[in-house]
All heavy atoms as atom14 arrays in JSON, in Angstrom:
{
  "sequence": "EPYQADMGKGFRPFRRDVAWLDGHEASILPLRAALGFISEGPNWGYRL",
  "atom14_mask": [
    [1, 1, 1, 1, 1, 1, 1, 1, 1, 0, 0, 0, 0, 0],
    [1, 1, 1, 1, 1, 1, 1, 0, 0, 0, 0, 0, 0, 0],
    [1, 1, 1, 1, 1, 1, 1, 1, 1, 1, 1, 1, 0, 0],
    [1, 1, 1, 1, 1, 1, 1, 1, 1, 0, 0, 0, 0, 0],
    [1, 1, 1, 1, 1, 0, 0, 0, 0, 0, 0, 0, 0, 0],
    [1, 1, 1, 1, 1, 1, 1, 1, 0, 0, 0, 0, 0, 0],
    [1, 1, 1, 1, 1, 1, 1, 1, 0, 0, 0, 0, 0, 0],
    [1, 1, 1, 1, 0, 0, 0, 0, 0, 0, 0, 0, 0, 0],
    [1, 1, 1, 1, 1, 1, 1, 1, 1, 0, 0, 0, 0, 0],
    [1, 1, 1, 1, 0, 0, 0, 0, 0, 0, 0, 0, 0, 0],
    [1, 1, 1, 1, 1, 1, 1, 1, 1, 1, 1, 0, 0, 0],
    [1, 1, 1, 1, 1, 1, 1, 1, 1, 1, 1, 0, 0, 0],
    [1, 1, 1, 1, 1, 1, 1, 0, 0, 0, 0, 0, 0, 0],
    [1, 1, 1, 1, 1, 1, 1, 1, 1, 1, 1, 0, 0, 0],
    [1, 1, 1, 1, 1, 1, 1, 1, 1, 1, 1, 0, 0, 0],
    [1, 1, 1, 1, 1, 1, 1, 1, 1, 1, 1, 0, 0, 0],
    [1, 1, 1, 1, 1, 1, 1, 1, 0, 0, 0, 0, 0, 0],
    [1, 1, 1, 1, 1, 1, 1, 0, 0, 0, 0, 0, 0, 0],
    [1, 1, 1, 1, 1, 0, 0, 0, 0, 0, 0, 0, 0, 0],
    [1, 1, 1, 1, 1, 1, 1, 1, 1, 1, 1, 1, 1, 1],
    [1, 1, 1, 1, 1, 1, 1, 1, 0, 0, 0, 0, 0, 0],
    [1, 1, 1, 1, 1, 1, 1, 1, 0, 0, 0, 0, 0, 0],
    [1, 1, 1, 1, 0, 0, 0, 0, 0, 0, 0, 0, 0, 0],
    [1, 1, 1, 1, 1, 1, 1, 1, 1, 1, 0, 0, 0, 0],
    [1, 1, 1, 1, 1, 1, 1, 1, 1, 0, 0, 0, 0, 0],
    [1, 1, 1, 1, 1, 0, 0, 0, 0, 0, 0, 0, 0, 0],
    [1, 1, 1, 1, 1, 1, 0, 0, 0, 0, 0, 0, 0, 0],
    [1, 1, 1, 1, 1, 1, 1, 1, 0, 0, 0, 0, 0, 0],
    [1, 1, 1, 1, 1, 1, 1, 1, 0, 0, 0, 0, 0, 0],
    [1, 1, 1, 1, 1, 1, 1, 0, 0, 0, 0, 0, 0, 0],
    [1, 1, 1, 1, 1, 1, 1, 1, 0, 0, 0, 0, 0, 0],
    [1, 1, 1, 1, 1, 1, 1, 1, 1, 1, 1, 0, 0, 0],
    [1, 1, 1, 1, 1, 0, 0, 0, 0, 0, 0, 0, 0, 0],
    [1, 1, 1, 1, 1, 0, 0, 0, 0, 0, 0, 0, 0, 0],
    [1, 1, 1, 1, 1, 1, 1, 1, 0, 0, 0, 0, 0, 0],
    [1, 1, 1, 1, 0, 0, 0, 0, 0, 0, 0, 0, 0, 0],
    [1, 1, 1, 1, 1, 1, 1, 1, 1, 1, 1, 0, 0, 0],
    [1, 1, 1, 1, 1, 1, 1, 1, 0, 0, 0, 0, 0, 0],
    [1, 1, 1, 1, 1, 1, 0, 0, 0, 0, 0, 0, 0, 0],
    [1, 1, 1, 1, 1, 1, 1, 1, 1, 0, 0, 0, 0, 0],
    [1, 1, 1, 1, 0, 0, 0, 0, 0, 0, 0, 0, 0, 0],
    [1, 1, 1, 1, 1, 1, 1, 0, 0, 0, 0, 0, 0, 0],
    [1, 1, 1, 1, 1, 1, 1, 1, 0, 0, 0, 0, 0, 0],
    [1, 1, 1, 1, 1, 1, 1, 1, 1, 1, 1, 1, 1, 1],
    [1, 1, 1, 1, 0, 0, 0, 0, 0, 0, 0, 0, 0, 0],
    [1, 1, 1, 1, 1, 1, 1, 1, 1, 1, 1, 1, 0, 0],
    [1, 1, 1, 1, 1, 1, 1, 1, 1, 1, 1, 0, 0, 0],
    [1, 1, 1, 1, 1, 1, 1, 1, 0, 0, 0, 0, 0, 0]
  ],
  "atom14_positions": [
    [[96.05, 96.64, 80.67], [95.59, 97.14, 81.97], [94.23, 96.54, 82.31], [93.54, 96.02, 81.43], [95.47, 98.68, 81.89], [96.79, 99.39, 81.66], [97.77, 99.19, 82.79], [97.35, 99.2, 83.97], [98.98, 99.01, 82.5], [0.0, 0.0, 0.0], [0.0, 0.0, 0.0], [0.0, 0.0, 0.0], [0.0, 0.0, 0.0], [0.0, 0.0, 0.0]],
    [[93.82, 96.66, 83.56], [92.44, 96.24, 83.89], [91.44, 97.05, 83.06], [91.68, 98.21, 82.73], [92.32, 96.59, 85.38], [93.72, 96.59, 85.89], [94.55, 97.11, 84.74], [0.0, 0.0, 0.0], [0.0, 0.0, 0.0], [0.0, 0.0, 0.0], [0.0, 0.0, 0.0], [0.0, 0.0, 0.0], [0.0, 0.0, 0.0], [0.0, 0.0, 0.0]],
    [[90.35, 96.42, 82.71], [89.31, 97.07, 81.91], [87.95, 96.66, 82.46], [87.82, 95.66, 83.16], [89.44, 96.67, 80.44], [89.33, 95.17, 80.21], [88.09, 94.58, 79.96], [90.46, 94.36, 80.27], [87.98, 93.21, 79.77], [90.36, 92.99, 80.08], [89.13, 92.42, 79.83], [89.03, 91.06, 79.65], [0.0, 0.0, 0.0], [0.0, 0.0, 0.0]],
    [[86.94, 97.44, 82.14], [85.58, 97.14, 82.57], [84.81, 96.38, 81.5], [84.98, 96.64, 80.31], [84.82, 98.42, 82.92], [85.1, 98.89, 84.33], [84.22, 100.05, 84.71], [84.35, 101.13, 84.14], [83.33, 99.83, 85.67], [0.0, 0.0, 0.0], [0.0, 0.0, 0.0], [0.0, 0.0, 0.0], [0.0, 0.0, 0.0], [0.0, 0.0, 0.0]],
    [[83.98, 95.46, 81.96], [83.1, 94.71, 81.07], [81.66, 94.97, 81.49], [81.4, 95.19, 82.68], [83.42, 93.22, 81.16], [0.0, 0.0, 0.0], [0.0, 0.0, 0.0], [0.0, 0.0, 0.0], [0.0, 0.0, 0.0], [0.0, 0.0, 0.0], [0.0, 0.0, 0.0], [0.0, 0.0, 0.0], [0.0, 0.0, 0.0], [0.0, 0.0, 0.0]],
    [[80.78, 94.97, 80.55], [79.36, 95.19, 80.84], [78.66, 93.84, 80.92], [78.51, 93.14, 79.93], [78.73, 96.06, 79.76], [77.31, 96.46, 80.09], [76.75, 95.97, 81.09], [76.76, 97.28, 79.34], [0.0, 0.0, 0.0], [0.0, 0.0, 0.0], [0.0, 0.0, 0.0], [0.0, 0.0, 0.0], [0.0, 0.0, 0.0], [0.0, 0.0, 0.0]],
    [[78.23, 93.48, 82.12], [77.53, 92.21, 82.31], [76.02, 92.41, 82.42], [75.29, 91.48, 82.73], [78.07, 91.49, 83.54], [79.51, 91.03, 83.34], [80.12, 89.99, 84.67], [79.16, 88.51, 84.44], [0.0, 0.0, 0.0], [0.0, 0.0, 0.0], [0.0, 0.0, 0.0], [0.0, 0.0, 0.0], [0.0, 0.0, 0.0], [0.0, 0.0, 0.0]],
    [[75.56, 93.63, 82.17], [74.13, 93.92, 82.2], [73.64, 94.31, 83.58], [74.32, 94.13, 84.59], [0.0, 0.0, 0.0], [0.0, 0.0, 0.0], [0.0, 0.0, 0.0], [0.0, 0.0, 0.0], [0.0, 0.0, 0.0], [0.0, 0.0, 0.0], [0.0, 0.0, 0.0], [0.0, 0.0, 0.0], [0.0, 0.0, 0.0], [0.0, 0.0, 0.0]],
    [[72.48, 94.92, 83.59], [71.83, 95.36, 84.83], [72.72, 96.27, 85.68], [72.7, 96.24, 86.9], [71.35, 94.17, 85.65], [70.31, 93.34, 84.93], [69.79, 92.23, 85.79], [68.78, 91.41, 84.97], [68.25, 90.29, 85.71], [0.0, 0.0, 0.0], [0.0, 0.0, 0.0], [0.0, 0.0, 0.0], [0.0, 0.0, 0.0], [0.0, 0.0, 0.0]],
    [[73.57, 97.05, 84.99], [74.43, 98.0, 85.68], [75.69, 97.43, 86.29], [76.48, 98.16, 86.88], [0.0, 0.0, 0.0], [0.0, 0.0, 0.0], [0.0, 0.0, 0.0], [0.0, 0.0, 0.0], [0.0, 0.0, 0.0], [0.0, 0.0, 0.0], [0.0, 0.0, 0.0], [0.0, 0.0, 0.0], [0.0, 0.0, 0.0], [0.0, 0.0, 0.0]],
    [[75.92, 96.12, 86.14], [77.13, 95.51, 86.7], [78.25, 95.6, 85.69], [78.17, 95.03, 84.61], [76.86, 94.06, 87.09], [78.02, 93.38, 87.77], [78.73, 94.01, 88.78], [78.39, 92.09, 87.41], [79.79, 93.38, 89.41], [79.45, 91.45, 88.02], [80.14, 92.11, 89.04], [0.0, 0.0, 0.0], [0.0, 0.0, 0.0], [0.0, 0.0, 0.0]],
    [[79.29, 96.37, 86.04], [80.44, 96.6, 85.16], [81.73, 96.27, 85.91], [82.45, 97.15, 86.33], [80.44, 98.03, 84.66], [79.24, 98.35, 83.76], [79.25, 99.75, 83.18], [80.53, 100.24, 82.76], [81.12, 99.99, 81.58], [80.52, 99.24, 80.7], [82.3, 100.51, 81.29], [0.0, 0.0, 0.0], [0.0, 0.0, 0.0], [0.0, 0.0, 0.0]],
    [[82.04, 94.97, 86.05], [83.23, 94.57, 86.79], [84.51, 94.85, 86.02], [84.52, 94.91, 84.79], [83.03, 93.07, 86.98], [82.25, 92.66, 85.77], [81.31, 93.83, 85.51], [0.0, 0.0, 0.0], [0.0, 0.0, 0.0], [0.0, 0.0, 0.0], [0.0, 0.0, 0.0], [0.0, 0.0, 0.0], [0.0, 0.0, 0.0], [0.0, 0.0, 0.0]],
    [[85.59, 95.0, 86.77], [86.92, 95.13, 86.18], [87.51, 93.74, 85.98], [87.29, 92.84, 86.79], [87.82, 95.99, 87.06], [87.53, 97.45, 86.96], [86.54, 98.02, 87.74], [88.21, 98.24, 86.06], [86.25, 99.36, 87.65], [87.93, 99.59, 85.94], [86.94, 100.16, 86.74], [0.0, 0.0, 0.0], [0.0, 0.0, 0.0], [0.0, 0.0, 0.0]],
    [[88.28, 93.61, 84.91], [88.91, 92.33, 84.53], [90.33, 92.55, 84.06], [90.71, 93.66, 83.7], [88.12, 91.66, 83.4], [86.73, 91.29, 83.77], [85.99, 90.72, 82.58], [84.68, 90.21, 83.0], [83.76, 89.8, 82.17], [83.98, 89.83, 80.87], [82.61, 89.35, 82.63], [0.0, 0.0, 0.0], [0.0, 0.0, 0.0], [0.0, 0.0, 0.0]],
    [[91.07, 91.47, 84.01], [92.38, 91.41, 83.36], [92.37, 90.18, 82.49], [91.79, 89.16, 82.85], [93.5, 91.29, 84.38], [93.82, 92.58, 85.09], [95.22, 92.5, 85.68], [96.15, 93.01, 84.7], [96.88, 94.11, 84.85], [96.8, 94.8, 85.96], [97.7, 94.51, 83.92], [0.0, 0.0, 0.0], [0.0, 0.0, 0.0], [0.0, 0.0, 0.0]],
    [[93.06, 90.26, 81.36], [93.17, 89.1, 80.47], [94.27, 88.16, 80.97], [95.32, 88.61, 81.46], [93.49, 89.55, 79.04], [92.29, 90.23, 78.38], [91.15, 89.97, 78.8], [92.51, 91.03, 77.45], [0.0, 0.0, 0.0], [0.0, 0.0, 0.0], [0.0, 0.0, 0.0], [0.0, 0.0, 0.0], [0.0, 0.0, 0.0], [0.0, 0.0, 0.0]],
    [[94.01, 86.87, 80.86], [94.92, 85.84, 81.35], [95.07, 84.74, 80.3], [94.08, 84.33, 79.68], [94.38, 85.22, 82.67], [95.28, 84.09, 83.14], [94.25, 86.28, 83.75], [0.0, 0.0, 0.0], [0.0, 0.0, 0.0], [0.0, 0.0, 0.0], [0.0, 0.0, 0.0], [0.0, 0.0, 0.0], [0.0, 0.0, 0.0], [0.0, 0.0, 0.0]],
    [[96.29, 84.27, 80.12], [96.55, 83.08, 79.31], [96.49, 81.9, 80.26], [97.41, 81.67, 81.05], [97.93, 83.18, 78.65], [0.0, 0.0, 0.0], [0.0, 0.0, 0.0], [0.0, 0.0, 0.0], [0.0, 0.0, 0.0], [0.0, 0.0, 0.0], [0.0, 0.0, 0.0], [0.0, 0.0, 0.0], [0.0, 0.0, 0.0], [0.0, 0.0, 0.0]],
    [[95.37, 81.18, 80.24], [95.18, 80.05, 81.15], [96.0, 78.86, 80.68], [96.09, 78.59, 79.48], [93.7, 79.69, 81.25], [92.9, 80.8, 81.86], [91.97, 81.58, 81.24], [92.97, 81.27, 83.21], [91.46, 82.5, 82.12], [92.05, 82.33, 83.34], [93.72, 80.9, 84.33], [91.86, 83.02, 84.54], [93.53, 81.59, 85.51], [92.62, 82.63, 85.61]],
    [[96.58, 78.16, 81.61], [97.39, 76.98, 81.31], [96.55, 75.71, 81.41], [95.53, 75.68, 82.1], [98.55, 76.89, 82.32], [99.45, 78.12, 82.43], [100.45, 77.94, 83.56], [100.16, 78.38, 81.11], [0.0, 0.0, 0.0], [0.0, 0.0, 0.0], [0.0, 0.0, 0.0], [0.0, 0.0, 0.0], [0.0, 0.0, 0.0], [0.0, 0.0, 0.0]],
    [[97.02, 74.67, 80.73], [96.38, 73.37, 80.88], [96.69, 72.85, 82.27], [97.82, 72.96, 82.76], [96.91, 72.39, 79.83], [96.43, 72.74, 78.43], [95.35, 73.35, 78.31], [97.15, 72.4, 77.47], [0.0, 0.0, 0.0], [0.0, 0.0, 0.0], [0.0, 0.0, 0.0], [0.0, 0.0, 0.0], [0.0, 0.0, 0.0], [0.0, 0.0, 0.0]],
    [[95.71, 72.3, 82.9], [95.88, 71.73, 84.23], [94.54, 71.23, 84.72], [93.5, 71.54, 84.14], [0.0, 0.0, 0.0], [0.0, 0.0, 0.0], [0.0, 0.0, 0.0], [0.0, 0.0, 0.0], [0.0, 0.0, 0.0], [0.0, 0.0, 0.0], [0.0, 0.0, 0.0], [0.0, 0.0, 0.0], [0.0, 0.0, 0.0], [0.0, 0.0, 0.0]],
    [[94.57, 70.48, 85.8], [93.34, 69.92, 86.34], [93.1, 70.46, 87.75], [94.01, 70.97, 88.4], [93.4, 68.39, 86.36], [94.61, 67.86, 87.08], [94.7, 67.78, 88.45], [95.79, 67.41, 86.59], [95.88, 67.29, 88.79], [96.56, 67.06, 87.68], [0.0, 0.0, 0.0], [0.0, 0.0, 0.0], [0.0, 0.0, 0.0], [0.0, 0.0, 0.0]],
    [[91.88, 70.35, 88.19], [91.5, 70.76, 89.54], [92.34, 69.99, 90.56], [92.61, 68.81, 90.37], [90.03, 70.42, 89.71], [89.38, 70.9, 90.95], [87.9, 70.53, 90.92], [87.15, 71.18, 90.16], [87.53, 69.6, 91.65], [0.0, 0.0, 0.0], [0.0, 0.0, 0.0], [0.0, 0.0, 0.0], [0.0, 0.0, 0.0], [0.0, 0.0, 0.0]],
    [[92.75, 70.68, 91.63], [93.55, 70.03, 92.67], [93.09, 70.5, 94.05], [93.06, 71.71, 94.32], [95.03, 70.35, 92.48], [0.0, 0.0, 0.0], [0.0, 0.0, 0.0], [0.0, 0.0, 0.0], [0.0, 0.0, 0.0], [0.0, 0.0, 0.0], [0.0, 0.0, 0.0], [0.0, 0.0, 0.0], [0.0, 0.0, 0.0], [0.0, 0.0, 0.0]],
    [[92.78, 69.57, 94.91], [92.35, 69.89, 96.26], [93.46, 70.62, 97.02], [94.64, 70.27, 96.89], [91.99, 68.6, 97.01], [91.72, 68.89, 98.38], [0.0, 0.0, 0.0], [0.0, 0.0, 0.0], [0.0, 0.0, 0.0], [0.0, 0.0, 0.0], [0.0, 0.0, 0.0], [0.0, 0.0, 0.0], [0.0, 0.0, 0.0], [0.0, 0.0, 0.0]],
    [[93.07, 71.6, 97.82], [94.04, 72.3, 98.64], [94.39, 71.49, 99.9], [95.45, 71.69, 100.49], [93.51, 73.7, 99.05], [94.65, 74.57, 99.6], [92.37, 73.58, 100.04], [94.27, 76.01, 99.84], [0.0, 0.0, 0.0], [0.0, 0.0, 0.0], [0.0, 0.0, 0.0], [0.0, 0.0, 0.0], [0.0, 0.0, 0.0], [0.0, 0.0, 0.0]],
    [[93.53, 70.57, 100.28], [93.69, 69.87, 101.56], [95.04, 69.16, 101.72], [95.69, 69.33, 102.75], [92.51, 68.93, 101.8], [91.15, 69.64, 101.86], [90.03, 68.64, 102.06], [91.13, 70.72, 102.92], [0.0, 0.0, 0.0], [0.0, 0.0, 0.0], [0.0, 0.0, 0.0], [0.0, 0.0, 0.0], [0.0, 0.0, 0.0], [0.0, 0.0, 0.0]],
    [[95.52, 68.39, 100.72], [96.82, 67.74, 100.92], [98.0, 68.72, 100.83], [99.11, 68.37, 101.21], [96.89, 66.7, 99.81], [95.88, 67.11, 98.81], [94.85, 67.92, 99.51], [0.0, 0.0, 0.0], [0.0, 0.0, 0.0], [0.0, 0.0, 0.0], [0.0, 0.0, 0.0], [0.0, 0.0, 0.0], [0.0, 0.0, 0.0], [0.0, 0.0, 0.0]],
    [[97.77, 69.93, 100.37], [98.84, 70.92, 100.22], [98.96, 71.87, 101.4], [99.95, 72.58, 101.54], [98.6, 71.76, 98.96], [98.56, 71.03, 97.63], [98.18, 71.99, 96.52], [99.88, 70.37, 97.36], [0.0, 0.0, 0.0], [0.0, 0.0, 0.0], [0.0, 0.0, 0.0], [0.0, 0.0, 0.0], [0.0, 0.0, 0.0], [0.0, 0.0, 0.0]],
    [[97.94, 71.91, 102.24], [97.87, 72.92, 103.3], [99.14, 73.02, 104.14], [99.62, 74.11, 104.39], [96.68, 72.65, 104.22], [95.39, 73.1, 103.66], [94.23, 73.0, 104.59], [94.5, 72.42, 105.9], [93.59, 71.92, 106.69], [92.33, 71.93, 106.32], [93.9, 71.41, 107.85], [0.0, 0.0, 0.0], [0.0, 0.0, 0.0], [0.0, 0.0, 0.0]],
    [[99.68, 71.92, 104.57], [100.86, 71.96, 105.44], [102.09, 72.49, 104.72], [102.99, 73.04, 105.36], [101.14, 70.57, 106.01], [0.0, 0.0, 0.0], [0.0, 0.0, 0.0], [0.0, 0.0, 0.0], [0.0, 0.0, 0.0], [0.0, 0.0, 0.0], [0.0, 0.0, 0.0], [0.0, 0.0, 0.0], [0.0, 0.0, 0.0], [0.0, 0.0, 0.0]],
    [[102.14, 72.36, 103.41], [103.31, 72.77, 102.64], [103.24, 74.22, 102.14], [104.27, 74.82, 101.84], [103.51, 71.84, 101.44], [0.0, 0.0, 0.0], [0.0, 0.0, 0.0], [0.0, 0.0, 0.0], [0.0, 0.0, 0.0], [0.0, 0.0, 0.0], [0.0, 0.0, 0.0], [0.0, 0.0, 0.0], [0.0, 0.0, 0.0], [0.0, 0.0, 0.0]],
    [[102.04, 74.77, 102.05], [101.88, 76.13, 101.51], [102.2, 77.18, 102.55], [101.61, 77.19, 103.64], [100.46, 76.32, 100.98], [100.09, 75.47, 99.76], [98.59, 75.56, 99.47], [100.9, 75.88, 98.54], [0.0, 0.0, 0.0], [0.0, 0.0, 0.0], [0.0, 0.0, 0.0], [0.0, 0.0, 0.0], [0.0, 0.0, 0.0], [0.0, 0.0, 0.0]],
    [[103.1, 78.09, 102.22], [103.54, 79.12, 103.16], [102.5, 80.17, 103.47], [102.56, 80.81, 104.53], [0.0, 0.0, 0.0], [0.0, 0.0, 0.0], [0.0, 0.0, 0.0], [0.0, 0.0, 0.0], [0.0, 0.0, 0.0], [0.0, 0.0, 0.0], [0.0, 0.0, 0.0], [0.0, 0.0, 0.0], [0.0, 0.0, 0.0], [0.0, 0.0, 0.0]],
    [[101.53, 80.39, 102.6], [100.53, 81.44, 102.87], [99.35, 80.92, 103.68], [98.46, 81.68, 104.03], [100.04, 82.08, 101.56], [99.16, 81.22, 100.72], [97.77, 81.31, 100.81], [99.69, 80.31, 99.82], [96.95, 80.53, 100.04], [98.87, 79.53, 99.03], [97.5, 79.63, 99.15], [0.0, 0.0, 0.0], [0.0, 0.0, 0.0], [0.0, 0.0, 0.0]],
    [[99.35, 79.63, 103.99], [98.28, 79.02, 104.77], [98.73, 78.91, 106.23], [99.83, 78.44, 106.51], [97.96, 77.6, 104.23], [97.45, 77.67, 102.8], [96.98, 76.87, 105.14], [96.09, 78.26, 102.63], [0.0, 0.0, 0.0], [0.0, 0.0, 0.0], [0.0, 0.0, 0.0], [0.0, 0.0, 0.0], [0.0, 0.0, 0.0], [0.0, 0.0, 0.0]],
    [[97.87, 79.3, 107.14], [98.19, 79.14, 108.56], [97.73, 77.76, 109.03], [96.92, 77.11, 108.38], [97.51, 80.24, 109.39], [96.11, 80.14, 109.26], [0.0, 0.0, 0.0], [0.0, 0.0, 0.0], [0.0, 0.0, 0.0], [0.0, 0.0, 0.0], [0.0, 0.0, 0.0], [0.0, 0.0, 0.0], [0.0, 0.0, 0.0], [0.0, 0.0, 0.0]],
    [[98.25, 77.35, 110.15], [97.85, 76.06, 110.72], [96.6, 76.24, 111.56], [96.26, 77.34, 111.96], [98.99, 75.5, 111.57], [100.2, 75.12, 110.75], [101.28, 74.48, 111.6], [100.94, 73.79, 112.59], [102.44, 74.67, 111.27], [0.0, 0.0, 0.0], [0.0, 0.0, 0.0], [0.0, 0.0, 0.0], [0.0, 0.0, 0.0], [0.0, 0.0, 0.0]],
    [[95.93, 75.15, 111.82], [94.79, 75.19, 112.71], [93.47, 75.31, 112.0], [93.38, 75.29, 110.77], [0.0, 0.0, 0.0], [0.0, 0.0, 0.0], [0.0, 0.0, 0.0], [0.0, 0.0, 0.0], [0.0, 0.0, 0.0], [0.0, 0.0, 0.0], [0.0, 0.0, 0.0], [0.0, 0.0, 0.0], [0.0, 0.0, 0.0], [0.0, 0.0, 0.0]],
    [[92.4, 75.48, 112.78], [91.05, 75.48, 112.21], [90.75, 76.68, 111.32], [89.86, 76.62, 110.49], [90.15, 75.46, 113.44], [90.98, 75.99, 114.56], [92.39, 75.6, 114.23], [0.0, 0.0, 0.0], [0.0, 0.0, 0.0], [0.0, 0.0, 0.0], [0.0, 0.0, 0.0], [0.0, 0.0, 0.0], [0.0, 0.0, 0.0], [0.0, 0.0, 0.0]],
    [[91.5, 77.76, 111.46], [91.28, 78.96, 110.63], [92.3, 79.06, 109.49], [92.68, 80.15, 109.09], [91.33, 80.22, 111.51], [90.22, 80.22, 112.53], [89.11, 79.79, 112.26], [90.53, 80.69, 113.73], [0.0, 0.0, 0.0], [0.0, 0.0, 0.0], [0.0, 0.0, 0.0], [0.0, 0.0, 0.0], [0.0, 0.0, 0.0], [0.0, 0.0, 0.0]],
    [[92.71, 77.92, 108.96], [93.76, 77.88, 107.96], [93.46, 78.74, 106.73], [94.36, 79.27, 106.11], [94.04, 76.44, 107.54], [92.87, 75.75, 106.89], [91.94, 74.97, 107.51], [92.52, 75.78, 105.5], [91.02, 74.51, 106.6], [91.34, 74.99, 105.36], [93.06, 76.39, 104.38], [90.71, 74.81, 104.14], [92.43, 76.2, 103.16], [91.28, 75.42, 103.04]],
    [[92.22, 78.9, 106.36], [91.87, 79.64, 105.14], [91.56, 81.1, 105.34], [91.11, 81.78, 104.42], [0.0, 0.0, 0.0], [0.0, 0.0, 0.0], [0.0, 0.0, 0.0], [0.0, 0.0, 0.0], [0.0, 0.0, 0.0], [0.0, 0.0, 0.0], [0.0, 0.0, 0.0], [0.0, 0.0, 0.0], [0.0, 0.0, 0.0], [0.0, 0.0, 0.0]],
    [[91.84, 81.63, 106.52], [91.45, 83.0, 106.83], [91.98, 84.02, 105.83], [91.24, 84.9, 105.39], [91.88, 83.37, 108.26], [91.35, 84.71, 108.68], [90.01, 84.85, 109.04], [92.15, 85.84, 108.69], [89.5, 86.08, 109.42], [91.65, 87.07, 109.05], [90.33, 87.19, 109.42], [89.82, 88.41, 109.77], [0.0, 0.0, 0.0], [0.0, 0.0, 0.0]],
    [[93.24, 83.93, 105.46], [93.82, 84.9, 104.5], [93.11, 84.89, 103.15], [93.05, 85.9, 102.45], [95.3, 84.62, 104.27], [96.16, 85.16, 105.37], [97.62, 85.16, 105.02], [97.94, 86.16, 104.02], [99.0, 86.1, 103.22], [99.82, 85.08, 103.29], [99.23, 87.04, 102.34], [0.0, 0.0, 0.0], [0.0, 0.0, 0.0], [0.0, 0.0, 0.0]],
    [[92.56, 83.76, 102.78], [91.89, 83.65, 101.49], [90.63, 84.5, 101.43], [90.14, 84.82, 100.35], [91.57, 82.18, 101.19], [92.8, 81.31, 100.94], [92.41, 79.85, 100.96], [93.48, 81.7, 99.65], [0.0, 0.0, 0.0], [0.0, 0.0, 0.0], [0.0, 0.0, 0.0], [0.0, 0.0, 0.0], [0.0, 0.0, 0.0], [0.0, 0.0, 0.0]]
  ]
}
């Protein structure tokens, strides 16, 4: 389940553990037209 971590100075954010996969950084720009959760136009990243 989500759990709290103590980062000091009263900041106790909630976290979840993740098994990260191998992969490299990838620009969103060439994918924008293909991604269903992205809208078209100048406000394409609004949902994010």
